[in-house]
């Protein structure tokens, strides 16, 4: 079953779980995901990325696998 998220839900989740995420940046990323199908929302240490990935997934967002730089 596919979960549909509103723009507001996606932006709210980004602001809640990604440190330093501003409302403007969250909305830019939400639009990018909508129109381009994907967006990089955070870059940093793998352990922290795993936490954010898990939190966003639990909030119902569809997440691609983590990538190591």
Protein backbone atom coordinates (compact mmCIF):
# COMPACT_ATOMS: atom_id res chain seq x y z
CA UNK A 1 0.00 0.00 0.00
CA UNK A 2 1.37 3.40 -0.95
CA UNK A 3 1.24 6.19 1.60
CA UNK A 4 0.38 9.65 0.31
CA UNK A 5 1.80 12.57 2.21
CA UNK A 6 0.63 16.14 2.05
CA UNK A 7 3.16 18.85 1.34
CA UNK A 8 2.57 20.16 4.86
CA UNK A 9 3.30 16.74 6.42
CA UNK A 10 6.56 16.36 4.49
CA UNK A 11 7.74 19.88 5.35
CA UNK A 12 6.74 19.43 9.01
CA UNK A 13 8.66 16.13 9.24
CA UNK A 14 11.78 17.66 7.72
CA UNK A 15 11.67 20.54 10.20
CA UNK A 16 11.01 18.19 13.12
CA UNK A 17 13.73 15.63 12.43
CA UNK A 18 16.50 17.36 10.45
CA UNK A 19 18.63 19.70 12.60
CA UNK A 20 18.73 23.28 11.41
CA UNK A 21 16.00 22.73 8.81
CA UNK A 22 14.21 26.00 8.15
CA UNK A 23 10.65 26.28 6.95
CA UNK A 24 11.79 27.76 3.63
CA UNK A 25 14.33 24.97 3.04
CA UNK A 26 11.79 22.29 4.02
CA UNK A 27 9.28 23.66 1.52
CA UNK A 28 11.95 23.91 -1.20
CA UNK A 29 12.87 20.25 -0.62
CA UNK A 30 9.21 19.21 -0.54
CA UNK A 31 8.66 20.87 -3.91
CA UNK A 32 11.84 19.32 -5.29
CA UNK A 33 10.67 15.85 -4.28
CA UNK A 34 7.27 16.51 -5.83
CA UNK A 35 8.59 17.76 -9.15
CA UNK A 36 11.87 15.83 -9.49
CA UNK A 37 11.08 12.69 -7.51
CA UNK A 38 13.93 13.02 -5.03
CA UNK A 39 16.02 15.40 -2.92
CA UNK A 40 19.03 15.17 -0.65
CA UNK A 41 17.84 16.53 2.68
CA UNK A 42 20.96 16.11 4.82
CA UNK A 43 24.62 15.16 4.43
CA UNK A 44 26.76 14.11 7.38
CA UNK A 45 28.03 11.20 9.47
CA UNK A 46 26.41 7.84 8.71
CA UNK A 47 25.28 7.20 12.29
CA UNK A 48 23.30 10.45 12.39
CA UNK A 49 21.97 9.85 8.88
CA UNK A 50 20.67 6.46 9.98
CA UNK A 51 18.77 8.10 12.84
CA UNK A 52 17.18 10.76 10.61
CA UNK A 53 16.40 8.13 7.96
CA UNK A 54 14.65 5.97 10.56
CA UNK A 55 12.67 8.89 12.01
CA UNK A 56 11.47 10.08 8.60
CA UNK A 57 10.57 6.54 7.55
CA UNK A 58 8.53 6.04 10.75
CA UNK A 59 6.76 9.33 9.99
CA UNK A 60 5.59 7.80 6.70
CA UNK A 61 8.02 9.35 4.24
CA UNK A 62 9.44 7.14 1.51
CA UNK A 63 13.20 7.11 1.83
CA UNK A 64 15.88 5.89 -0.55
CA UNK A 65 18.69 3.80 0.95
CA UNK A 66 21.47 5.75 2.61
CA UNK A 67 24.60 6.42 0.56
CA UNK A 68 28.11 6.72 1.92
CA UNK A 69 30.19 9.57 0.54
